[in-house]
Amino acid sequence: MGDSKQKRGRADRSRVSGSQQSEVYYVARKFGVSADRVRSVIKRVGNSRKKVYAALSK
């Protein structure tokens, strides 16, 4: 029998999804950079929110 469709996990707030436009725009607005810059940082350092924030704060 398959998994229950009623039990869904919560969003993982420790990661930034480069494919979700709203998350990319949120981070871009927070640091005052372009969305393309955020996507390039995610590709370079990974999608860990701590690493992305650290790379953009430099």
N, C-alpha and C. Protein backbone atom coordinates (compact mmCIF):
# COMPACT_ATOMS: atom_id res chain seq x y z
N MET A 1 0.84 -1.17 0.00
CA MET A 1 0.00 0.00 0.00
C MET A 1 0.89 1.24 0.00
N GLY A 2 0.50 2.26 -0.72
CA GLY A 2 1.29 3.48 -0.84
C GLY A 2 1.22 4.36 0.39
N ASP A 3 2.04 5.36 0.40
CA ASP A 3 2.05 6.31 1.51
C ASP A 3 0.75 7.10 1.55
N SER A 4 0.42 7.55 2.72
CA SER A 4 -0.79 8.35 2.90
C SER A 4 -0.60 9.72 2.27
N LYS A 5 -1.55 10.15 1.48
CA LYS A 5 -1.48 11.47 0.84
C LYS A 5 -1.83 12.57 1.84
N GLN A 6 -2.38 12.20 2.99
CA GLN A 6 -2.74 13.17 4.01
C GLN A 6 -1.53 13.64 4.81
N LYS A 7 -0.49 12.83 4.88
CA LYS A 7 0.70 13.17 5.66
C LYS A 7 1.75 13.75 4.72
N ARG A 8 1.92 15.04 4.83
CA ARG A 8 2.89 15.72 3.97
C ARG A 8 3.91 16.42 4.85
N GLY A 9 5.15 16.42 4.41
CA GLY A 9 6.20 17.08 5.17
C GLY A 9 6.14 18.59 5.04
N ARG A 10 6.76 19.26 5.97
CA ARG A 10 6.82 20.72 5.92
C ARG A 10 7.91 21.16 4.96
N ALA A 11 7.85 22.41 4.58
CA ALA A 11 8.88 22.97 3.71
C ALA A 11 10.21 23.00 4.44
N ASP A 12 11.27 22.76 3.74
CA ASP A 12 12.60 22.75 4.34
C ASP A 12 13.15 24.18 4.28
N ARG A 13 13.09 24.90 5.38
CA ARG A 13 13.49 26.30 5.41
C ARG A 13 15.00 26.47 5.44
N SER A 14 15.76 25.39 5.60
CA SER A 14 17.21 25.52 5.63
C SER A 14 17.81 25.53 4.23
N ARG A 15 16.97 25.43 3.22
CA ARG A 15 17.45 25.40 1.84
C ARG A 15 16.73 26.46 1.01
N VAL A 16 17.43 26.95 -0.03
CA VAL A 16 16.85 27.91 -0.96
C VAL A 16 16.66 27.19 -2.29
N SER A 17 15.45 27.18 -2.77
CA SER A 17 15.17 26.51 -4.04
C SER A 17 15.41 27.49 -5.19
N GLY A 18 16.38 27.20 -6.02
CA GLY A 18 16.68 28.06 -7.16
C GLY A 18 15.62 28.00 -8.23
N SER A 19 14.78 26.98 -8.19
CA SER A 19 13.74 26.84 -9.20
C SER A 19 12.43 27.52 -8.80
N GLN A 20 12.31 27.92 -7.55
CA GLN A 20 11.10 28.60 -7.11
C GLN A 20 11.33 30.11 -7.14
N GLN A 21 10.62 30.75 -8.02
CA GLN A 21 10.80 32.17 -8.28
C GLN A 21 10.60 33.02 -7.02
N SER A 22 9.63 32.68 -6.21
CA SER A 22 9.35 33.48 -5.01
C SER A 22 10.51 33.43 -4.02
N GLU A 23 11.14 32.27 -3.85
CA GLU A 23 12.28 32.17 -2.94
C GLU A 23 13.47 32.96 -3.45
N VAL A 24 13.72 32.86 -4.76
CA VAL A 24 14.84 33.58 -5.35
C VAL A 24 14.63 35.09 -5.21
N TYR A 25 13.41 35.56 -5.49
CA TYR A 25 13.12 36.99 -5.37
C TYR A 25 13.21 37.47 -3.93
N TYR A 26 12.79 36.64 -2.98
CA TYR A 26 12.88 37.01 -1.57
C TYR A 26 14.34 37.25 -1.17
N VAL A 27 15.21 36.32 -1.53
CA VAL A 27 16.63 36.45 -1.19
C VAL A 27 17.25 37.64 -1.93
N ALA A 28 16.89 37.81 -3.19
CA ALA A 28 17.42 38.93 -3.97
C ALA A 28 17.02 40.26 -3.35
N ARG A 29 15.78 40.39 -2.95
CA ARG A 29 15.31 41.63 -2.33
C ARG A 29 15.97 41.85 -0.97
N LYS A 30 16.17 40.77 -0.23
CA LYS A 30 16.78 40.86 1.10
C LYS A 30 18.20 41.39 1.03
N PHE A 31 18.95 40.99 -0.01
CA PHE A 31 20.35 41.39 -0.13
C PHE A 31 20.58 42.50 -1.15
N GLY A 32 19.53 42.92 -1.83
CA GLY A 32 19.66 44.01 -2.80
C GLY A 32 20.45 43.63 -4.03
N VAL A 33 20.28 42.39 -4.48
CA VAL A 33 20.97 41.91 -5.68
C VAL A 33 19.93 41.40 -6.68
N SER A 34 20.38 41.05 -7.87
CA SER A 34 19.46 40.55 -8.88
C SER A 34 19.15 39.07 -8.64
N ALA A 35 18.05 38.63 -9.23
CA ALA A 35 17.66 37.22 -9.12
C ALA A 35 18.69 36.33 -9.82
N ASP A 36 19.27 36.82 -10.91
CA ASP A 36 20.30 36.04 -11.60
C ASP A 36 21.52 35.83 -10.72
N ARG A 37 21.86 36.85 -9.94
CA ARG A 37 23.01 36.73 -9.02
C ARG A 37 22.72 35.67 -7.96
N VAL A 38 21.51 35.65 -7.44
CA VAL A 38 21.13 34.64 -6.44
C VAL A 38 21.23 33.25 -7.04
N ARG A 39 20.71 33.07 -8.25
CA ARG A 39 20.77 31.75 -8.90
C ARG A 39 22.22 31.31 -9.13
N SER A 40 23.08 32.24 -9.52
CA SER A 40 24.49 31.88 -9.75
C SER A 40 25.18 31.50 -8.44
N VAL A 41 24.83 32.17 -7.35
CA VAL A 41 25.40 31.82 -6.05
C VAL A 41 24.92 30.44 -5.62
N ILE A 42 23.64 30.15 -5.86
CA ILE A 42 23.11 28.83 -5.50
C ILE A 42 23.83 27.74 -6.29
N LYS A 43 24.11 27.98 -7.55
CA LYS A 43 24.84 27.00 -8.35
C LYS A 43 26.26 26.82 -7.85
N ARG A 44 26.87 27.91 -7.38
CA ARG A 44 28.27 27.86 -6.95
C ARG A 44 28.44 27.23 -5.57
N VAL A 45 27.62 27.63 -4.58
CA VAL A 45 27.83 27.17 -3.21
C VAL A 45 26.83 26.10 -2.76
N GLY A 46 25.81 25.84 -3.55
CA GLY A 46 24.79 24.87 -3.17
C GLY A 46 23.55 25.60 -2.66
N ASN A 47 22.55 24.85 -2.25
CA ASN A 47 21.29 25.48 -1.87
C ASN A 47 21.08 25.63 -0.37
N SER A 48 22.14 25.46 0.41
CA SER A 48 22.05 25.70 1.85
C SER A 48 21.83 27.19 2.09
N ARG A 49 20.80 27.52 2.85
CA ARG A 49 20.45 28.92 3.10
C ARG A 49 21.62 29.65 3.78
N LYS A 50 22.29 29.01 4.73
CA LYS A 50 23.42 29.64 5.42
C LYS A 50 24.54 29.98 4.46
N LYS A 51 24.87 29.05 3.56
CA LYS A 51 25.95 29.28 2.60
C LYS A 51 25.59 30.36 1.60
N VAL A 52 24.34 30.37 1.14
CA VAL A 52 23.90 31.38 0.17
C VAL A 52 23.94 32.75 0.82
N TYR A 53 23.42 32.86 2.05
CA TYR A 53 23.42 34.14 2.76
C TYR A 53 24.85 34.63 3.01
N ALA A 54 25.73 33.70 3.40
CA ALA A 54 27.13 34.08 3.65
C ALA A 54 27.79 34.58 2.38
N ALA A 55 27.55 33.92 1.25
CA ALA A 55 28.17 34.31 -0.01
C ALA A 55 27.64 35.67 -0.48
N LEU A 56 26.37 35.94 -0.24
CA LEU A 56 25.80 37.21 -0.69
C LEU A 56 26.13 38.37 0.25
N SER A 57 26.48 38.07 1.50
CA SER A 57 26.79 39.14 2.42
C SER A 57 28.21 39.64 2.30
N LYS A 58 29.03 38.96 1.53
CA LYS A 58 30.44 39.38 1.34
C LYS A 58 30.52 40.58 0.44
